């Protein structure tokens, strides 16, 4: 069945709006128990997707041939990816986190070069890589008056989480063409949630979990919209748009996330962080924008 022409841009825009707002949700809900809060989020999301599949009368478990892919998604995306992001966001503002996540296209391009035939690293990718490195160093502001080792450690863990996320995303593009994204996410989220729960139970205390109206509302929003709906849209789009172009949603999200962070949480960017954001977003987006312009002009 042919996809209607407007569906892809509509879902693309919806994904940016949803995921651009999730950083605030994480920031207000993370508290002192990042792994336990992340596990709650993904258990809710995974169970919601399982119930959705039962309503659709569709298969809940993926075919055995996708076992390695599901494990990679569970470990990379939801355990390391979001576990470390939640941990880092104890110390890092939501706007800075969203800017760091704008480096995802560069990390994806590195894996795509080795794993996908038609998505090789070129001069534009190298330009984006160098710009992302420079921008990230500016955000760290290693010699600035506002440098905080704890915040720097949080940012470093977030960068590690982004790298961990890149590989399974490219793997899904390569091997998951015929895999139902609902099935993929339900299984992977529950795997990730289980590992997060085990880690949180060992390193954190349930008595420290903050469950109030705000954190419950934020976690529910993250689970249903940010995870169950967001990741289903994302992986549906991945099979219809190039993986590198798909990852460019991350350079649009920081703009939306920074606006929300400023309005709702009063977050401000230092001059160094603002310059770093401009460098990262420009270096990642400019090659794609120029490529689109020249291709349309031919």
C-alpha atoms as a PDB file:
ATOM      1  CA  UNK A   1       0.000   0.000   0.000  1.00  0.00           C
ATOM      2  CA  UNK A   2       1.449   3.370  -1.080  1.00  0.00           C
ATOM      3  CA  UNK A   3       1.971   5.947   1.674  1.00  0.00           C
ATOM      4  CA  UNK A   4       0.126   9.225   1.090  1.00  0.00           C
ATOM      5  CA  UNK A   5       2.548  12.059   0.319  1.00  0.00           C
ATOM      6  CA  UNK A   6       1.661  14.157   3.366  1.00  0.00           C
ATOM      7  CA  UNK A   7       1.983  11.372   5.963  1.00  0.00           C
ATOM      8  CA  UNK A   8       5.776  11.389   6.147  1.00  0.00           C
ATOM      9  CA  UNK A   9       6.241  15.169   6.704  1.00  0.00           C
ATOM     10  CA  UNK A  10       3.351  15.254   9.199  1.00  0.00           C
ATOM     11  CA  UNK A  11       4.830  12.417  11.260  1.00  0.00           C
ATOM     12  CA  UNK A  12       8.307  13.925  10.925  1.00  0.00           C
ATOM     13  CA  UNK A  13       7.033  17.211  12.386  1.00  0.00           C
ATOM     14  CA  UNK A  14       5.082  15.408  15.119  1.00  0.00           C
ATOM     15  CA  UNK A  15       8.208  13.514  16.131  1.00  0.00           C
ATOM     16  CA  UNK A  16      10.187  16.751  16.461  1.00  0.00           C
ATOM     17  CA  UNK A  17       7.509  18.343  18.641  1.00  0.00           C
ATOM     18  CA  UNK A  18       7.149  15.243  20.842  1.00  0.00           C
ATOM     19  CA  UNK A  19      10.822  14.422  21.275  1.00  0.00           C
ATOM     20  CA  UNK A  20      11.800  18.077  21.609  1.00  0.00           C
ATOM     21  CA  UNK A  21       9.598  18.243  24.706  1.00  0.00           C
ATOM     22  CA  UNK A  22      10.808  15.011  26.324  1.00  0.00           C
ATOM     23  CA  UNK A  23      13.992  16.541  27.720  1.00  0.00           C
ATOM     24  CA  UNK A  24      11.948  18.710  30.077  1.00  0.00           C
ATOM     25  CA  UNK A  25       9.944  15.643  31.104  1.00  0.00           C
ATOM     26  CA  UNK A  26      13.141  13.812  32.004  1.00  0.00           C
ATOM     27  CA  UNK A  27      14.576  16.802  33.859  1.00  0.00           C
ATOM     28  CA  UNK A  28      11.550  17.259  36.121  1.00  0.00           C
ATOM     29  CA  UNK A  29      11.119  13.525  36.818  1.00  0.00           C
ATOM     30  CA  UNK A  30      14.657  12.167  37.126  1.00  0.00           C
ATOM     31  CA  UNK A  31      15.283  13.156  40.767  1.00  0.00           C
ATOM     32  CA  UNK A  32      18.019  11.145  42.493  1.00  0.00           C
ATOM     33  CA  UNK A  33      16.960   7.799  41.006  1.00  0.00           C
ATOM     34  CA  UNK A  34      17.660   8.012  37.260  1.00  0.00           C
ATOM     35  CA  UNK A  35      17.727   4.290  36.521  1.00  0.00           C
ATOM     36  CA  UNK A  36      14.557   3.507  38.456  1.00  0.00           C
ATOM     37  CA  UNK A  37      12.675   6.413  36.854  1.00  0.00           C
ATOM     38  CA  UNK A  38      13.830   5.356  33.393  1.00  0.00           C
ATOM     39  CA  UNK A  39      12.752   1.774  34.106  1.00  0.00           C
ATOM     40  CA  UNK A  40       9.264   2.932  35.150  1.00  0.00           C
ATOM     41  CA  UNK A  41       8.974   4.930  31.929  1.00  0.00           C
ATOM     42  CA  UNK A  42       9.882   2.043  29.653  1.00  0.00           C
ATOM     43  CA  UNK A  43       7.850  -0.560  31.541  1.00  0.00           C
ATOM     44  CA  UNK A  44       4.762   1.620  31.084  1.00  0.00           C
ATOM     45  CA  UNK A  45       5.604   2.223  27.422  1.00  0.00           C
ATOM     46  CA  UNK A  46       6.382  -1.423  26.682  1.00  0.00           C
ATOM     47  CA  UNK A  47       3.208  -2.683  28.350  1.00  0.00           C
ATOM     48  CA  UNK A  48       1.163  -0.036  26.503  1.00  0.00           C
ATOM     49  CA  UNK A  49       2.532  -1.288  23.183  1.00  0.00           C
ATOM     50  CA  UNK A  50       1.817  -4.912  24.099  1.00  0.00           C
ATOM     51  CA  UNK A  51      -1.790  -3.988  24.914  1.00  0.00           C
ATOM     52  CA  UNK A  52      -2.000  -2.069  21.637  1.00  0.00           C
ATOM     53  CA  UNK A  53      -0.839  -5.141  19.747  1.00  0.00           C
ATOM     54  CA  UNK A  54      -3.431  -7.288  21.492  1.00  0.00           C
ATOM     55  CA  UNK A  55      -6.133  -4.797  20.482  1.00  0.00           C
ATOM     56  CA  UNK A  56      -4.884  -5.011  16.898  1.00  0.00           C
ATOM     57  CA  UNK A  57      -4.825  -8.805  17.214  1.00  0.00           C
ATOM     58  CA  UNK A  58      -1.259  -8.737  15.957  1.00  0.00           C
ATOM     59  CA  UNK A  59       1.783 -10.706  17.040  1.00  0.00           C
ATOM     60  CA  UNK A  60       3.405  -9.491  20.258  1.00  0.00           C
ATOM     61  CA  UNK A  61       6.756 -11.284  20.009  1.00  0.00           C
ATOM     62  CA  UNK A  62       9.100 -10.706  17.055  1.00  0.00           C
ATOM     63  CA  UNK A  63      10.275 -13.524  14.803  1.00  0.00           C
ATOM     64  CA  UNK A  64      13.381 -15.322  16.049  1.00  0.00           C
ATOM     65  CA  UNK A  65      15.483 -14.004  13.164  1.00  0.00           C
ATOM     66  CA  UNK A  66      15.237 -10.521  14.729  1.00  0.00           C
ATOM     67  CA  UNK A  67      16.609 -11.638  18.084  1.00  0.00           C
ATOM     68  CA  UNK A  68      19.974  -9.885  17.725  1.00  0.00           C
ATOM     69  CA  UNK A  69      18.324  -6.699  16.488  1.00  0.00           C
ATOM     70  CA  UNK A  70      15.883  -6.607  19.421  1.00  0.00           C
ATOM     71  CA  UNK A  71      18.697  -7.221  21.904  1.00  0.00           C
ATOM     72  CA  UNK A  72      20.736  -4.423  20.328  1.00  0.00           C
ATOM     73  CA  UNK A  73      17.782  -2.033  20.584  1.00  0.00           C
ATOM     74  CA  UNK A  74      17.096  -3.037  24.178  1.00  0.00           C
ATOM     75  CA  UNK A  75      20.718  -2.658  25.253  1.00  0.00           C
ATOM     76  CA  UNK A  76      21.787   0.259  23.075  1.00  0.00           C
ATOM     77  CA  UNK A  77      18.673   2.428  22.863  1.00  0.00           C
ATOM     78  CA  UNK A  78      16.914   1.868  26.130  1.00  0.00           C
ATOM     79  CA  UNK A  79      19.449   0.595  28.653  1.00  0.00           C
ATOM     80  CA  UNK A  80      22.666   2.429  27.829  1.00  0.00           C
ATOM     81  CA  UNK A  81      21.114   5.172  25.695  1.00  0.00           C
ATOM     82  CA  UNK A  82      18.433   6.370  28.079  1.00  0.00           C
ATOM     83  CA  UNK A  83      19.949   5.009  31.269  1.00  0.00           C
ATOM     84  CA  UNK A  84      23.053   7.157  30.857  1.00  0.00           C
ATOM     85  CA  UNK A  85      21.036  10.120  29.579  1.00  0.00           C
ATOM     86  CA  UNK A  86      18.808   9.993  32.669  1.00  0.00           C
ATOM     87  CA  UNK A  87      21.886   9.724  34.865  1.00  0.00           C
ATOM     88  CA  UNK A  88      23.558  12.676  33.178  1.00  0.00           C
ATOM     89  CA  UNK A  89      20.449  14.827  33.394  1.00  0.00           C
ATOM     90  CA  UNK A  90      20.677  14.849  37.169  1.00  0.00           C
ATOM     91  CA  UNK A  91      23.326  17.511  36.576  1.00  0.00           C
ATOM     92  CA  UNK A  92      22.736  18.789  33.027  1.00  0.00           C
ATOM     93  CA  UNK A  93      19.918  21.099  31.914  1.00  0.00           C
ATOM     94  CA  UNK A  94      17.372  19.912  29.378  1.00  0.00           C
ATOM     95  CA  UNK A  95      18.444  22.470  26.760  1.00  0.00           C
ATOM     96  CA  UNK A  96      22.109  21.399  26.878  1.00  0.00           C
ATOM     97  CA  UNK A  97      21.096  17.737  26.711  1.00  0.00           C
ATOM     98  CA  UNK A  98      19.023  18.347  23.587  1.00  0.00           C
ATOM     99  CA  UNK A  99      21.964  20.159  21.975  1.00  0.00           C
ATOM    100  CA  UNK A 100      24.345  17.293  22.748  1.00  0.00           C
ATOM    101  CA  UNK A 101      21.839  14.879  21.202  1.00  0.00           C
ATOM    102  CA  UNK A 102      22.112  16.928  18.007  1.00  0.00           C
ATOM    103  CA  UNK A 103      25.429  15.102  17.477  1.00  0.00           C
ATOM    104  CA  UNK A 104      23.515  11.860  16.850  1.00  0.00           C
ATOM    105  CA  UNK A 105      23.568  12.224  13.016  1.00  0.00           C
ATOM    106  CA  UNK A 106      27.363  12.308  13.083  1.00  0.00           C
ATOM    107  CA  UNK A 107      27.595   9.170  15.216  1.00  0.00           C
ATOM    108  CA  UNK A 108      25.009   7.456  13.042  1.00  0.00           C
ATOM    109  CA  UNK A 109      26.956   8.414   9.918  1.00  0.00           C
ATOM    110  CA  UNK A 110      30.029   6.650  11.318  1.00  0.00           C
ATOM    111  CA  UNK A 111      28.161   3.359  11.761  1.00  0.00           C
ATOM    112  CA  UNK A 112      26.202   3.815   8.529  1.00  0.00           C
ATOM    113  CA  UNK A 113      29.464   4.114   6.592  1.00  0.00           C
ATOM    114  CA  UNK A 114      30.434   0.596   7.675  1.00  0.00           C
ATOM    115  CA  UNK A 115      26.994  -1.013   7.717  1.00  0.00           C
ATOM    116  CA  UNK A 116      24.973   0.515   4.851  1.00  0.00           C
ATOM    117  CA  UNK A 117      25.992   0.412   1.196  1.00  0.00           C
ATOM    118  CA  UNK A 118      24.456   3.708   0.099  1.00  0.00           C
ATOM    119  CA  UNK A 119      25.290   5.911   3.087  1.00  0.00           C
ATOM    120  CA  UNK A 120      29.055   6.448   3.081  1.00  0.00           C
ATOM    121  CA  UNK A 121      31.043   9.117   4.878  1.00  0.00           C
ATOM    122  CA  UNK A 122      31.909  12.013   2.576  1.00  0.00           C
ATOM    123  CA  UNK A 123      33.239  15.554   2.876  1.00  0.00           C
ATOM    124  CA  UNK A 124      29.926  16.765   4.317  1.00  0.00           C
ATOM    125  CA  UNK A 125      30.053  14.082   7.031  1.00  0.00           C
ATOM    126  CA  UNK A 126      33.600  15.065   7.951  1.00  0.00           C
ATOM    127  CA  UNK A 127      32.552  18.727   8.116  1.00  0.00           C
ATOM    128  CA  UNK A 128      29.705  17.777  10.473  1.00  0.00           C
ATOM    129  CA  UNK A 129      32.027  15.632  12.591  1.00  0.00           C
ATOM    130  CA  UNK A 130      34.594  18.395  13.044  1.00  0.00           C
ATOM    131  CA  UNK A 131      31.870  20.966  13.776  1.00  0.00           C
ATOM    132  CA  UNK A 132      30.255  18.680  16.342  1.00  0.00           C
ATOM    133  CA  UNK A 133      33.561  18.162  18.131  1.00  0.00           C
ATOM    134  CA  UNK A 134      34.298  21.894  18.226  1.00  0.00           C
ATOM    135  CA  UNK A 135      30.751  22.717  19.371  1.00  0.00           C
ATOM    136  CA  UNK A 136      30.847  20.074  22.090  1.00  0.00           C
ATOM    137  CA  UNK A 137      34.149  21.406  23.430  1.00  0.00           C
ATOM    138  CA  UNK A 138      32.626  24.881  23.549  1.00  0.00           C
ATOM    139  CA  UNK A 139      29.666  23.571  25.540  1.00  0.00           C
ATOM    140  CA  UNK A 140      32.012  21.842  27.998  1.00  0.00           C
ATOM    141  CA  UNK A 141      33.754  25.228  28.456  1.00  0.00           C
ATOM    142  CA  UNK A 142      36.728  23.505  30.090  1.00  0.00           C
ATOM    143  CA  UNK A 143      38.516  26.704  31.112  1.00  0.00           C
ATOM    144  CA  UNK A 144      35.477  28.903  31.662  1.00  0.00           C
ATOM    145  CA  UNK A 145      34.386  30.383  34.956  1.00  0.00           C
ATOM    146  CA  UNK A 146      31.185  28.351  34.832  1.00  0.00           C
ATOM    147  CA  UNK A 147      32.963  24.986  34.424  1.00  0.00           C
ATOM    148  CA  UNK A 148      31.561  22.381  36.825  1.00  0.00           C
ATOM    149  CA  UNK A 149      33.216  18.912  36.910  1.00  0.00           C
ATOM    150  CA  UNK A 150      29.947  17.278  37.937  1.00  0.00           C
ATOM    151  CA  UNK A 151      28.078  18.846  35.027  1.00  0.00           C
ATOM    152  CA  UNK A 152      30.948  17.915  32.699  1.00  0.00           C
ATOM    153  CA  UNK A 153      30.721  14.281  33.863  1.00  0.00           C
ATOM    154  CA  UNK A 154      26.987  14.326  33.201  1.00  0.00           C
ATOM    155  CA  UNK A 155      27.551  15.684  29.685  1.00  0.00           C
ATOM    156  CA  UNK A 156      30.202  13.046  29.025  1.00  0.00           C
ATOM    157  CA  UNK A 157      27.781  10.278  30.028  1.00  0.00           C
ATOM    158  CA  UNK A 158      25.138  11.764  27.725  1.00  0.00           C
ATOM    159  CA  UNK A 159      27.619  11.672  24.828  1.00  0.00           C
ATOM    160  CA  UNK A 160      28.350   8.017  25.605  1.00  0.00           C
ATOM    161  CA  UNK A 161      24.604   7.333  25.617  1.00  0.00           C
ATOM    162  CA  UNK A 162      24.247   8.912  22.171  1.00  0.00           C
ATOM    163  CA  UNK A 163      27.054   6.761  20.795  1.00  0.00           C
ATOM    164  CA  UNK A 164      25.393   3.668  22.267  1.00  0.00           C
ATOM    165  CA  UNK A 165      22.133   4.609  20.552  1.00  0.00           C
ATOM    166  CA  UNK A 166      23.631   5.105  17.094  1.00  0.00           C
ATOM    167  CA  UNK A 167      24.552   1.485  16.354  1.00  0.00           C
ATOM    168  CA  UNK A 168      21.134  -0.160  16.936  1.00  0.00           C
ATOM    169  CA  UNK A 169      19.444   2.580  14.910  1.00  0.00           C
ATOM    170  CA  UNK A 170      21.600   1.782  11.883  1.00  0.00           C
ATOM    171  CA  UNK A 171      21.161  -1.938  12.514  1.00  0.00           C
ATOM    172  CA  UNK A 172      17.381  -1.486  12.421  1.00  0.00           C
ATOM    173  CA  UNK A 173      17.689   0.353   9.115  1.00  0.00           C
ATOM    174  CA  UNK A 174      19.738  -2.518   7.687  1.00  0.00           C
ATOM    175  CA  UNK A 175      17.930  -5.544   9.101  1.00  0.00           C
ATOM    176  CA  UNK A 176      14.492  -4.395  10.281  1.00  0.00           C
ATOM    177  CA  UNK A 177      12.725  -3.535   7.043  1.00  0.00           C
ATOM    178  CA  UNK A 178       9.944  -6.081   7.570  1.00  0.00           C
ATOM    179  CA  UNK A 179       9.821  -5.828  11.362  1.00  0.00           C
ATOM    180  CA  UNK A 180       6.708  -4.260  12.873  1.00  0.00           C
ATOM    181  CA  UNK A 181       7.997  -1.174  14.764  1.00  0.00           C
ATOM    182  CA  UNK A 182       5.416  -1.724  17.522  1.00  0.00           C
ATOM    183  CA  UNK A 183       6.685  -5.256  18.115  1.00  0.00           C
ATOM    184  CA  UNK A 184      10.302  -4.111  17.957  1.00  0.00           C
ATOM    185  CA  UNK A 185       9.822  -1.321  20.463  1.00  0.00           C
ATOM    186  CA  UNK A 186       7.626  -3.302  22.859  1.00  0.00           C
ATOM    187  CA  UNK A 187      10.206  -6.074  23.183  1.00  0.00           C
ATOM    188  CA  UNK A 188      13.241  -3.776  23.253  1.00  0.00           C
ATOM    189  CA  UNK A 189      11.685  -1.409  25.799  1.00  0.00           C
ATOM    190  CA  UNK A 190      10.835  -4.240  28.163  1.00  0.00           C
ATOM    191  CA  UNK A 191      14.380  -5.610  27.858  1.00  0.00           C
ATOM    192  CA  UNK A 192      15.820  -2.169  28.544  1.00  0.00           C
ATOM    193  CA  UNK A 193      13.374  -1.529  31.388  1.00  0.00           C
ATOM    194  CA  UNK A 194      14.320  -4.825  33.063  1.00  0.00           C
ATOM    195  CA  UNK A 195      18.035  -4.011  32.895  1.00  0.00           C
ATOM    196  CA  UNK A 196      17.389  -0.483  34.165  1.00  0.00           C
ATOM    197  CA  UNK A 197      15.324  -1.890  37.038  1.00  0.00           C
ATOM    198  CA  UNK A 198      18.101  -4.294  38.027  1.00  0.00           C
ATOM    199  CA  UNK A 199      20.712  -1.528  37.855  1.00  0.00           C
ATOM    200  CA  UNK A 200      18.525   0.891  39.791  1.00  0.00           C
ATOM    201  CA  UNK A 201      17.696  -1.679  42.459  1.00  0.00           C
ATOM    202  CA  UNK A 202      21.411  -2.207  43.071  1.00  0.00           C
ATOM    203  CA  UNK A 203      22.597   1.419  42.919  1.00  0.00           C
ATOM    204  CA  UNK A 204      19.542   3.370  44.088  1.00  0.00           C
ATOM    205  CA  UNK A 205      16.849   3.212  46.765  1.00  0.00           C
ATOM    206  CA  UNK A 206      13.108   3.003  46.099  1.00  0.00           C
ATOM    207  CA  UNK A 207      12.578   5.259  49.116  1.00  0.00           C
ATOM    208  CA  UNK A 208      14.284   8.060  47.173  1.00  0.00           C
ATOM    209  CA  UNK A 209      11.927   7.810  44.190  1.00  0.00           C
ATOM    210  CA  UNK A 210       9.926  11.031  43.893  1.00  0.00           C
ATOM    211  CA  UNK A 211       6.328  10.186  43.014  1.00  0.00           C
ATOM    212  CA  UNK A 212       4.229  13.328  43.055  1.00  0.00           C
ATOM    213  CA  UNK A 213       1.752  14.831  40.625  1.00  0.00           C
ATOM    214  CA  UNK A 214       4.483  16.435  38.496  1.00  0.00           C
ATOM    215  CA  UNK A 215       6.783  13.420  38.248  1.00  0.00           C
ATOM    216  CA  UNK A 216       3.902  11.006  37.616  1.00  0.00           C
ATOM    217  CA  UNK A 217       2.497  13.249  34.877  1.00  0.00           C
ATOM    218  CA  UNK A 218       5.945  13.715  33.311  1.00  0.00           C
ATOM    219  CA  UNK A 219       6.760   9.997  33.397  1.00  0.00           C
ATOM    220  CA  UNK A 220       3.382   9.087  31.925  1.00  0.00           C
ATOM    221  CA  UNK A 221       3.876  11.623  29.128  1.00  0.00           C
ATOM    222  CA  UNK A 222       7.366  10.273  28.471  1.00  0.00           C
ATOM    223  CA  UNK A 223       6.115   6.686  28.429  1.00  0.00           C
ATOM    224  CA  UNK A 224       3.082   7.156  26.159  1.00  0.00           C
ATOM    225  CA  UNK A 225       4.086  10.023  23.884  1.00  0.00           C
ATOM    226  CA  UNK A 226       7.878  10.091  24.119  1.00  0.00           C
ATOM    227  CA  UNK A 227       8.327   6.315  24.008  1.00  0.00           C
ATOM    228  CA  UNK A 228       5.337   4.256  22.832  1.00  0.00           C
ATOM    229  CA  UNK A 229       4.176   6.748  20.189  1.00  0.00           C
ATOM    230  CA  UNK A 230       7.483   8.522  19.515  1.00  0.00           C
ATOM    231  CA  UNK A 231       9.605   5.448  18.866  1.00  0.00           C
ATOM    232  CA  UNK A 232       6.874   3.778  16.801  1.00  0.00           C
ATOM    233  CA  UNK A 233       6.745   6.866  14.567  1.00  0.00           C
ATOM    234  CA  UNK A 234      10.543   6.984  14.434  1.00  0.00           C
ATOM    235  CA  UNK A 235      11.074   3.400  13.345  1.00  0.00           C
ATOM    236  CA  UNK A 236       8.159   3.590  10.900  1.00  0.00           C
ATOM    237  CA  UNK A 237       9.901   6.580   9.304  1.00  0.00           C
ATOM    238  CA  UNK A 238      13.315   4.891   9.383  1.00  0.00           C
ATOM    239  CA  UNK A 239      12.109   2.362   6.817  1.00  0.00           C
ATOM    240  CA  UNK A 240      10.925   5.164   4.511  1.00  0.00           C
ATOM    241  CA  UNK A 241      13.633   7.830   4.906  1.00  0.00           C
ATOM    242  CA  UNK A 242      17.440   7.494   4.868  1.00  0.00           C
ATOM    243  CA  UNK A 243      18.806   6.860   8.352  1.00  0.00           C
ATOM    244  CA  UNK A 244      21.105   9.898   8.223  1.00  0.00           C
ATOM    245  CA  UNK A 245      18.301  12.199   7.055  1.00  0.00           C
ATOM    246  CA  UNK A 246      16.048  10.679   9.721  1.00  0.00           C
ATOM    247  CA  UNK A 247      18.592  11.551  12.370  1.00  0.00           C
ATOM    248  CA  UNK A 248      18.441  15.209  11.327  1.00  0.00           C
ATOM    249  CA  UNK A 249      15.352  15.523  13.492  1.00  0.00           C
ATOM    250  CA  UNK A 250      17.918  15.990  16.259  1.00  0.00           C
ATOM    251  CA  UNK A 251      19.101  19.372  14.993  1.00  0.00           C
ATOM    252  CA  UNK A 252      15.548  20.727  14.942  1.00  0.00           C
ATOM    253  CA  UNK A 253      14.672  19.440  18.389  1.00  0.00           C
ATOM    254  CA  UNK A 254      17.181  21.586  20.341  1.00  0.00           C
ATOM    255  CA  UNK A 255      15.510  24.763  19.127  1.00  0.00           C
ATOM    256  CA  UNK A 256      12.117  23.604  20.409  1.00  0.00           C
ATOM    257  CA  UNK A 257      13.645  22.109  23.560  1.00  0.00           C
ATOM    258  CA  UNK A 258      15.535  25.325  24.366  1.00  0.00           C
ATOM    259  CA  UNK A 259      12.381  27.400  23.986  1.00  0.00           C
ATOM    260  CA  UNK A 260      10.473  25.076  26.323  1.00  0.00           C
ATOM    261  CA  UNK A 261      13.358  24.941  28.785  1.00  0.00           C
ATOM    262  CA  UNK A 262      13.536  28.736  28.912  1.00  0.00           C
ATOM    263  CA  UNK A 263       9.774  29.239  29.272  1.00  0.00           C
ATOM    264  CA  UNK A 264       8.930  26.366  31.628  1.00  0.00           C
ATOM    265  CA  UNK A 265      12.106  25.845  33.655  1.00  0.00           C
ATOM    266  CA  UNK A 266      13.882  29.182  33.330  1.00  0.00           C
ATOM    267  CA  UNK A 267      16.954  27.487  31.831  1.00  0.00           C
ATOM    268  CA  UNK A 268      19.491  29.753  30.166  1.00  0.00           C
ATOM    269  CA  UNK A 269      22.498  28.953  28.006  1.00  0.00           C
ATOM    270  CA  UNK A 270      25.901  30.423  28.818  1.00  0.00           C
ATOM    271  CA  UNK A 271      27.524  32.360  25.989  1.00  0.00           C
ATOM    272  CA  UNK A 272      29.931  29.463  25.424  1.00  0.00           C
ATOM    273  CA  UNK A 273      27.114  26.899  25.364  1.00  0.00           C
ATOM    274  CA  UNK A 274      25.097  29.075  23.000  1.00  0.00           C
ATOM    275  CA  UNK A 275      28.066  29.377  20.642  1.00  0.00           C
ATOM    276  CA  UNK A 276      28.597  25.615  20.866  1.00  0.00           C
ATOM    277  CA  UNK A 277      24.938  25.021  20.055  1.00  0.00           C
ATOM    278  CA  UNK A 278      25.175  27.245  16.983  1.00  0.00           C
ATOM    279  CA  UNK A 279      28.318  25.442  15.805  1.00  0.00           C
ATOM    280  CA  UNK A 280      26.827  21.953  16.298  1.00  0.00           C
ATOM    281  CA  UNK A 281      23.456  22.680  14.739  1.00  0.00           C
ATOM    282  CA  UNK A 282      25.013  24.579  11.825  1.00  0.00           C
ATOM    283  CA  UNK A 283      27.634  21.947  11.075  1.00  0.00           C
ATOM    284  CA  UNK A 284      25.087  19.145  11.185  1.00  0.00           C
ATOM    285  CA  UNK A 285      22.299  20.878   9.303  1.00  0.00           C
ATOM    286  CA  UNK A 286      24.149  22.948   6.689  1.00  0.00           C
ATOM    287  CA  UNK A 287      25.397  20.033   4.539  1.00  0.00           C
ATOM    288  CA  UNK A 288      21.929  18.483   4.449  1.00  0.00           C
ATOM    289  CA  UNK A 289      20.234  21.778   3.624  1.00  0.00           C
ATOM    290  CA  UNK A 290      22.715  22.470   0.812  1.00  0.00           C
ATOM    291  CA  UNK A 291      22.345  18.934  -0.510  1.00  0.00           C
ATOM    292  CA  UNK A 292      18.559  19.285  -0.588  1.00  0.00           C
ATOM    293  CA  UNK A 293      18.793  22.674  -2.320  1.00  0.00           C
ATOM    294  CA  UNK A 294      21.137  21.455  -5.055  1.00  0.00           C
ATOM    295  CA  UNK A 295      19.188  18.224  -5.614  1.00  0.00           C
ATOM    296  CA  UNK A 296      15.960  20.206  -6.005  1.00  0.00           C
ATOM    297  CA  UNK A 297      17.647  22.531  -8.469  1.00  0.00           C
ATOM    298  CA  UNK A 298      18.742  19.746 -10.768  1.00  0.00           C
END
